[in-house]
Amino acid sequence: MKILYICTHNRCRSILSEAITNHASRGLIQAKSAGSQPVGEVHPLSIKYLAQSGISVDGLQSQSWNEFEAFAPDVVVTVCDSAAAETCPVWFGDTITLHWGLSDPSKIEGSEQDIEAGFLECIALITERVEQLTQIAQQDLSPTDLKQALSALIK
């Protein structure tokens, strides 16, 4: 299964989702991430807390969704509310699309401990969803059943 995570700026939540999916899915899922308006750099705290959690940060970069037409994802997952409201590129076609709203830990104001807790909470939530996603990827589901199973992950 191939998944493309979308967030407007592709610097935090979609990057976290890509890295965690590639780490935790044991090769069953190939994940990429992109943005409709990428800022061109990964948030440094995304890198810090992924590495602190033992997740590889090699190759992570902020890039446009226009670079992924050839990737042909099976599933496109928006992780921020603004990206969910955007019109997706035509090349997504019949790709399953769904929204997994995640709070943006890079927007947390407060102490270093508050910020760390926010990142680690987001990483834990994504990890939980990826573990469930990996179980789904092991099944031979129809597109309709796959979309229903994926949508249930956010309940």
C-alpha atoms as a PDB file:
ATOM      1  CA  MET A   1       0.000   0.000   0.000  1.00  0.00           C
ATOM      2  CA  LYS A   2       1.221   3.506  -0.840  1.00  0.00           C
ATOM      3  CA  ILE A   3       0.103   6.524   1.181  1.00  0.00           C
ATOM      4  CA  LEU A   4       0.639  10.221   0.578  1.00  0.00           C
ATOM      5  CA  TYR A   5       0.172  12.438   3.632  1.00  0.00           C
ATOM      6  CA  ILE A   6      -0.832  16.019   2.843  1.00  0.00           C
ATOM      7  CA  CYS A   7      -0.523  19.120   5.004  1.00  0.00           C
ATOM      8  CA  THR A   8      -0.540  22.644   3.635  1.00  0.00           C
ATOM      9  CA  HIS A   9       3.079  23.501   4.519  1.00  0.00           C
ATOM     10  CA  ASN A  10       4.536  19.969   4.741  1.00  0.00           C
ATOM     11  CA  ARG A  11       6.851  20.734   7.618  1.00  0.00           C
ATOM     12  CA  CYS A  12       5.418  19.023  10.717  1.00  0.00           C
ATOM     13  CA  ARG A  13       2.348  16.736  10.876  1.00  0.00           C
ATOM     14  CA  SER A  14       2.643  15.241   7.398  1.00  0.00           C
ATOM     15  CA  ILE A  15       6.388  14.785   7.898  1.00  0.00           C
ATOM     16  CA  LEU A  16       5.780  13.062  11.248  1.00  0.00           C
ATOM     17  CA  SER A  17       3.185  10.803   9.591  1.00  0.00           C
ATOM     18  CA  GLU A  18       5.517   9.863   6.735  1.00  0.00           C
ATOM     19  CA  ALA A  19       8.435   9.004   9.013  1.00  0.00           C
ATOM     20  CA  ILE A  20       6.347   7.082  11.540  1.00  0.00           C
ATOM     21  CA  THR A  21       4.517   5.099   8.841  1.00  0.00           C
ATOM     22  CA  ASN A  22       7.742   4.081   7.120  1.00  0.00           C
ATOM     23  CA  HIS A  23       9.235   3.132  10.492  1.00  0.00           C
ATOM     24  CA  ALA A  24       6.308   1.295  12.075  1.00  0.00           C
ATOM     25  CA  SER A  25       4.661  -0.452   9.113  1.00  0.00           C
ATOM     26  CA  ARG A  26       7.475  -2.977   8.700  1.00  0.00           C
ATOM     27  CA  GLY A  27       7.638  -2.431   4.940  1.00  0.00           C
ATOM     28  CA  LEU A  28       3.933  -3.061   4.323  1.00  0.00           C
ATOM     29  CA  ILE A  29       3.253   0.605   3.620  1.00  0.00           C
ATOM     30  CA  GLN A  30       5.307   3.072   1.624  1.00  0.00           C
ATOM     31  CA  ALA A  31       4.612   6.606   2.824  1.00  0.00           C
ATOM     32  CA  LYS A  32       5.492  10.000   1.387  1.00  0.00           C
ATOM     33  CA  SER A  33       4.397  13.462   2.419  1.00  0.00           C
ATOM     34  CA  ALA A  34       3.787  16.701   0.586  1.00  0.00           C
ATOM     35  CA  GLY A  35       2.109  20.055   0.829  1.00  0.00           C
ATOM     36  CA  SER A  36      -0.073  22.256  -1.320  1.00  0.00           C
ATOM     37  CA  GLN A  37       2.121  25.210  -0.301  1.00  0.00           C
ATOM     38  CA  PRO A  38       5.313  23.637   1.070  1.00  0.00           C
ATOM     39  CA  VAL A  39       7.648  25.902   3.006  1.00  0.00           C
ATOM     40  CA  GLY A  40      10.706  24.031   1.787  1.00  0.00           C
ATOM     41  CA  GLU A  41      12.045  22.977   5.187  1.00  0.00           C
ATOM     42  CA  VAL A  42      11.127  20.443   7.820  1.00  0.00           C
ATOM     43  CA  HIS A  43      10.356  21.924  11.239  1.00  0.00           C
ATOM     44  CA  PRO A  44      13.481  21.337  13.362  1.00  0.00           C
ATOM     45  CA  LEU A  45      11.442  20.038  16.304  1.00  0.00           C
ATOM     46  CA  SER A  46       9.862  17.422  14.033  1.00  0.00           C
ATOM     47  CA  ILE A  47      13.368  16.131  13.345  1.00  0.00           C
ATOM     48  CA  LYS A  48      14.368  16.393  17.012  1.00  0.00           C
ATOM     49  CA  TYR A  49      11.413  14.457  18.414  1.00  0.00           C
ATOM     50  CA  LEU A  50      11.367  11.828  15.671  1.00  0.00           C
ATOM     51  CA  ALA A  51      15.046  11.119  16.301  1.00  0.00           C
ATOM     52  CA  GLN A  52      14.469  11.148  20.064  1.00  0.00           C
ATOM     53  CA  SER A  53      11.749   8.528  19.489  1.00  0.00           C
ATOM     54  CA  GLY A  54      14.143   6.308  17.536  1.00  0.00           C
ATOM     55  CA  ILE A  55      12.558   7.038  14.143  1.00  0.00           C
ATOM     56  CA  SER A  56      14.753   7.674  11.113  1.00  0.00           C
ATOM     57  CA  VAL A  57      14.736  11.200   9.719  1.00  0.00           C
ATOM     58  CA  ASP A  58      16.821  10.339   6.650  1.00  0.00           C
ATOM     59  CA  GLY A  59      15.441  11.796   3.448  1.00  0.00           C
ATOM     60  CA  LEU A  60      12.671  13.853   5.035  1.00  0.00           C
ATOM     61  CA  GLN A  61      11.987  17.022   3.086  1.00  0.00           C
ATOM     62  CA  SER A  62       9.252  19.570   2.550  1.00  0.00           C
ATOM     63  CA  GLN A  63       7.949  19.302  -1.005  1.00  0.00           C
ATOM     64  CA  SER A  64       4.972  19.983  -3.230  1.00  0.00           C
ATOM     65  CA  TRP A  65       2.227  17.488  -3.931  1.00  0.00           C
ATOM     66  CA  ASN A  66       2.895  18.204  -7.625  1.00  0.00           C
ATOM     67  CA  GLU A  67       6.028  16.074  -7.317  1.00  0.00           C
ATOM     68  CA  PHE A  68       4.052  12.910  -6.543  1.00  0.00           C
ATOM     69  CA  GLU A  69       1.883  12.202  -9.569  1.00  0.00           C
ATOM     70  CA  ALA A  70       4.156   9.298 -10.549  1.00  0.00           C
ATOM     71  CA  PHE A  71       4.018   7.941  -6.976  1.00  0.00           C
ATOM     72  CA  ALA A  72       0.382   6.938  -7.612  1.00  0.00           C
ATOM     73  CA  PRO A  73      -0.729   6.611  -3.976  1.00  0.00           C
ATOM     74  CA  ASP A  74      -3.478   4.189  -3.030  1.00  0.00           C
ATOM     75  CA  VAL A  75      -4.530   6.531  -0.237  1.00  0.00           C
ATOM     76  CA  VAL A  76      -4.168  10.278   0.303  1.00  0.00           C
ATOM     77  CA  VAL A  77      -4.549  11.392   3.918  1.00  0.00           C
ATOM     78  CA  THR A  78      -4.863  15.051   4.851  1.00  0.00           C
ATOM     79  CA  VAL A  79      -3.637  15.751   8.363  1.00  0.00           C
ATOM     80  CA  CYS A  80      -4.481  19.437   8.762  1.00  0.00           C
ATOM     81  CA  ASP A  81      -7.876  21.086   8.441  1.00  0.00           C
ATOM     82  CA  SER A  82      -6.767  23.656   5.859  1.00  0.00           C
ATOM     83  CA  ALA A  83      -5.401  20.936   3.554  1.00  0.00           C
ATOM     84  CA  ALA A  84      -8.623  18.952   3.937  1.00  0.00           C
ATOM     85  CA  ALA A  85     -10.565  21.937   2.592  1.00  0.00           C
ATOM     86  CA  GLU A  86      -8.316  22.420  -0.451  1.00  0.00           C
ATOM     87  CA  THR A  87      -9.063  21.144  -3.915  1.00  0.00           C
ATOM     88  CA  CYS A  88      -6.776  18.205  -4.569  1.00  0.00           C
ATOM     89  CA  PRO A  89      -4.934  17.758  -7.865  1.00  0.00           C
ATOM     90  CA  VAL A  90      -6.823  16.007 -10.642  1.00  0.00           C
ATOM     91  CA  TRP A  91      -4.218  13.249 -10.756  1.00  0.00           C
ATOM     92  CA  PHE A  92      -5.500  11.933  -7.398  1.00  0.00           C
ATOM     93  CA  GLY A  93      -8.373  10.570  -9.513  1.00  0.00           C
ATOM     94  CA  ASP A  94     -10.059   7.626  -7.812  1.00  0.00           C
ATOM     95  CA  THR A  95      -7.484   7.496  -5.035  1.00  0.00           C
ATOM     96  CA  ILE A  96      -9.035   7.011  -1.612  1.00  0.00           C
ATOM     97  CA  THR A  97      -8.880  10.306   0.250  1.00  0.00           C
ATOM     98  CA  LEU A  98      -9.606  10.858   3.900  1.00  0.00           C
ATOM     99  CA  HIS A  99      -8.893  13.304   6.680  1.00  0.00           C
ATOM    100  CA  TRP A 100      -7.050  12.548   9.906  1.00  0.00           C
ATOM    101  CA  GLY A 101      -7.075  15.880  11.719  1.00  0.00           C
ATOM    102  CA  LEU A 102      -4.050  16.262  13.946  1.00  0.00           C
ATOM    103  CA  SER A 103      -3.288  19.147  16.281  1.00  0.00           C
ATOM    104  CA  ASP A 104      -0.176  21.026  15.178  1.00  0.00           C
ATOM    105  CA  PRO A 105       2.509  20.607  17.857  1.00  0.00           C
ATOM    106  CA  SER A 106       4.654  23.266  16.169  1.00  0.00           C
ATOM    107  CA  LYS A 107       2.027  25.863  17.157  1.00  0.00           C
ATOM    108  CA  ILE A 108       2.197  25.100  20.873  1.00  0.00           C
ATOM    109  CA  GLU A 109       3.270  28.003  23.010  1.00  0.00           C
ATOM    110  CA  GLY A 110       4.631  27.394  26.457  1.00  0.00           C
ATOM    111  CA  SER A 111       7.552  25.777  28.164  1.00  0.00           C
ATOM    112  CA  GLU A 112       9.976  23.419  26.482  1.00  0.00           C
ATOM    113  CA  GLN A 113       8.249  20.602  28.394  1.00  0.00           C
ATOM    114  CA  ASP A 114       4.831  21.675  27.037  1.00  0.00           C
ATOM    115  CA  ILE A 115       6.153  21.689  23.486  1.00  0.00           C
ATOM    116  CA  GLU A 116       7.877  18.328  23.913  1.00  0.00           C
ATOM    117  CA  ALA A 117       4.693  16.841  25.375  1.00  0.00           C
ATOM    118  CA  GLY A 118       2.708  18.122  22.384  1.00  0.00           C
ATOM    119  CA  PHE A 119       5.107  16.575  19.881  1.00  0.00           C
ATOM    120  CA  LEU A 120       5.270  13.276  21.746  1.00  0.00           C
ATOM    121  CA  GLU A 121       1.468  13.162  22.011  1.00  0.00           C
ATOM    122  CA  CYS A 122       1.153  13.717  18.260  1.00  0.00           C
ATOM    123  CA  ILE A 123       3.798  11.053  17.574  1.00  0.00           C
ATOM    124  CA  ALA A 124       1.945   8.601  19.853  1.00  0.00           C
ATOM    125  CA  LEU A 125      -1.378   9.237  18.094  1.00  0.00           C
ATOM    126  CA  ILE A 126       0.141   8.774  14.645  1.00  0.00           C
ATOM    127  CA  THR A 127       1.927   5.618  15.832  1.00  0.00           C
ATOM    128  CA  GLU A 128      -1.352   4.199  17.127  1.00  0.00           C
ATOM    129  CA  ARG A 129      -3.072   4.877  13.800  1.00  0.00           C
ATOM    130  CA  VAL A 130      -0.160   3.415  11.822  1.00  0.00           C
ATOM    131  CA  GLU A 131      -0.258   0.228  13.885  1.00  0.00           C
ATOM    132  CA  GLN A 132      -3.935  -0.137  12.978  1.00  0.00           C
ATOM    133  CA  LEU A 133      -3.205   0.868   9.397  1.00  0.00           C
ATOM    134  CA  THR A 134      -0.566  -1.843   9.152  1.00  0.00           C
ATOM    135  CA  GLN A 135      -3.136  -4.448  10.195  1.00  0.00           C
ATOM    136  CA  ILE A 136      -5.473  -3.139   7.486  1.00  0.00           C
ATOM    137  CA  ALA A 137      -2.682  -3.235   4.882  1.00  0.00           C
ATOM    138  CA  GLN A 138      -2.264  -6.964   5.548  1.00  0.00           C
ATOM    139  CA  GLN A 139      -5.839  -7.623   4.400  1.00  0.00           C
ATOM    140  CA  ASP A 140      -7.033  -7.905   0.819  1.00  0.00           C
ATOM    141  CA  LEU A 141      -9.834  -5.329   0.967  1.00  0.00           C
ATOM    142  CA  SER A 142     -11.935  -3.844  -1.802  1.00  0.00           C
ATOM    143  CA  PRO A 143     -11.552  -0.066  -2.246  1.00  0.00           C
ATOM    144  CA  THR A 144     -14.895   0.500  -0.469  1.00  0.00           C
ATOM    145  CA  ASP A 145     -13.956  -1.731   2.473  1.00  0.00           C
ATOM    146  CA  LEU A 146     -10.488  -0.176   2.588  1.00  0.00           C
ATOM    147  CA  LYS A 147     -11.905   3.357   2.801  1.00  0.00           C
ATOM    148  CA  GLN A 148     -14.334   2.299   5.536  1.00  0.00           C
ATOM    149  CA  ALA A 149     -11.544   0.616   7.525  1.00  0.00           C
ATOM    150  CA  LEU A 150      -9.260   3.630   7.147  1.00  0.00           C
ATOM    151  CA  SER A 151     -11.988   6.082   8.162  1.00  0.00           C
ATOM    152  CA  ALA A 152     -12.621   4.045  11.309  1.00  0.00           C
ATOM    153  CA  LEU A 153      -9.071   4.745  12.491  1.00  0.00           C
ATOM    154  CA  ILE A 154      -9.987   8.271  13.562  1.00  0.00           C
ATOM    155  CA  LYS A 155     -13.057   7.336  15.571  1.00  0.00           C
END
